[in-house]
Amino acid sequence: MTLLLPTDFSVLPGCSAVSVEVLAPPPKPSPDPGGQGADFGKAAPVGLVVLLLFFLAVGLLARSMNKHLRRVPQSFEPQSFEKDPDAGPRTE
């Protein structure tokens, strides 16, 4: 590849350059088109196992959360003291 420059272009004062050679060769085509080399597709079985373990963990956590939420009372309002007069604050 040759880069043509004007005749009055000079890199150093007093020197004139007509053309400059570019030393970088053009890129070669890849022998592995599309990324389908020796390791293509080997991560799929491991990824499937990891994904299934994550789904199992999420299912077990949801079941545990559901069990704990069933034990939470419907409201946190104070209970009336009419049923048990000793349960209220003491006024002595």
Protein backbone atom coordinates (compact mmCIF):
# COMPACT_ATOMS: atom_id res chain seq x y z
CA MET A 1 0.00 0.00 0.00
CA THR A 2 1.41 3.35 -1.02
CA LEU A 3 0.36 6.66 0.42
CA LEU A 4 0.88 9.53 -2.00
CA LEU A 5 1.68 12.91 -0.52
CA PRO A 6 2.03 16.31 -2.17
CA THR A 7 5.51 17.22 -3.39
CA ASP A 8 5.78 20.19 -1.05
CA PHE A 9 5.05 18.00 2.04
CA SER A 10 8.12 17.53 4.17
CA VAL A 11 8.58 15.59 7.38
CA LEU A 12 11.86 17.29 8.18
CA PRO A 13 12.76 20.80 7.09
CA GLY A 14 14.69 20.70 3.86
CA CYS A 15 13.58 17.17 2.90
CA SER A 16 10.80 16.37 0.49
CA ALA A 17 8.91 13.10 0.27
CA VAL A 18 6.93 11.88 -2.70
CA SER A 19 5.51 8.63 -1.32
CA VAL A 20 5.54 6.73 1.94
CA GLU A 21 5.29 2.94 2.23
CA VAL A 22 2.90 1.60 4.85
CA LEU A 23 4.51 -1.38 6.61
CA ALA A 24 1.39 -2.99 8.09
CA PRO A 25 0.19 -5.94 5.98
CA PRO A 26 -3.52 -6.32 5.29
CA PRO A 27 -5.37 -8.54 7.78
CA LYS A 28 -5.60 -12.21 6.84
CA PRO A 29 -8.97 -13.95 6.80
CA SER A 30 -9.68 -15.94 9.94
CA PRO A 31 -9.49 -19.75 9.58
CA ASP A 32 -12.37 -20.04 12.09
CA PRO A 33 -15.42 -18.47 10.42
CA GLY A 34 -18.37 -17.85 12.72
CA GLY A 35 -16.66 -18.81 15.97
CA GLN A 36 -17.27 -22.53 15.47
CA GLY A 37 -13.91 -23.83 16.60
CA ALA A 38 -12.94 -26.81 18.73
CA ASP A 39 -14.62 -25.37 21.85
CA PHE A 40 -17.91 -24.49 20.15
CA GLY A 41 -20.94 -25.86 22.02
CA LYS A 42 -19.06 -27.37 24.97
CA ALA A 43 -20.46 -24.91 27.53
CA ALA A 44 -24.09 -25.77 26.78
CA PRO A 45 -24.40 -28.87 29.06
CA VAL A 46 -22.70 -27.12 31.97
CA GLY A 47 -24.83 -24.02 31.46
CA LEU A 48 -27.98 -26.14 31.43
CA VAL A 49 -27.07 -27.78 34.74
CA VAL A 50 -26.30 -24.39 36.34
CA LEU A 51 -29.58 -22.96 35.03
CA LEU A 52 -31.58 -25.90 36.39
CA LEU A 53 -29.90 -25.51 39.79
CA PHE A 54 -30.84 -21.82 39.83
CA PHE A 55 -34.47 -22.67 39.01
CA LEU A 56 -34.53 -25.27 41.79
CA ALA A 57 -33.08 -22.76 44.29
CA VAL A 58 -35.64 -20.09 43.30
CA GLY A 59 -38.48 -22.61 43.65
CA LEU A 60 -37.33 -23.69 47.12
CA LEU A 61 -36.90 -20.08 48.25
CA ALA A 62 -40.39 -19.16 47.00
CA ARG A 63 -41.88 -22.13 48.83
CA SER A 64 -40.10 -21.18 52.05
CA MET A 65 -41.19 -17.55 51.74
CA ASN A 66 -44.78 -18.63 51.17
CA LYS A 67 -44.66 -20.80 54.29
CA HIS A 68 -43.33 -17.92 56.40
CA LEU A 69 -45.83 -15.41 55.00
CA ARG A 70 -48.75 -17.64 56.00
CA ARG A 71 -47.70 -17.23 59.64
CA VAL A 72 -47.83 -13.42 59.49
CA PRO A 73 -51.03 -12.02 61.07
CA GLN A 74 -53.57 -10.26 58.85
CA SER A 75 -53.09 -6.96 60.68
CA PHE A 76 -50.76 -5.58 63.30
CA GLU A 77 -53.41 -3.54 65.12
CA PRO A 78 -53.34 -3.85 68.91
CA GLN A 79 -55.70 -6.48 70.24
CA SER A 80 -58.60 -5.41 72.43
CA PHE A 81 -58.10 -6.02 76.15
CA GLU A 82 -61.70 -7.04 76.79
CA LYS A 83 -60.90 -10.73 76.46
CA ASP A 84 -58.04 -10.75 78.96
CA PRO A 85 -57.89 -7.81 81.38
CA ASP A 86 -54.49 -8.90 82.72
CA ALA A 87 -52.90 -8.57 79.29
CA GLY A 88 -53.14 -4.76 79.24
CA PRO A 89 -50.84 -2.18 80.84
CA ARG A 90 -50.91 -2.07 84.61
CA THR A 91 -52.31 1.01 86.28
CA GLU A 92 -51.23 0.94 89.91
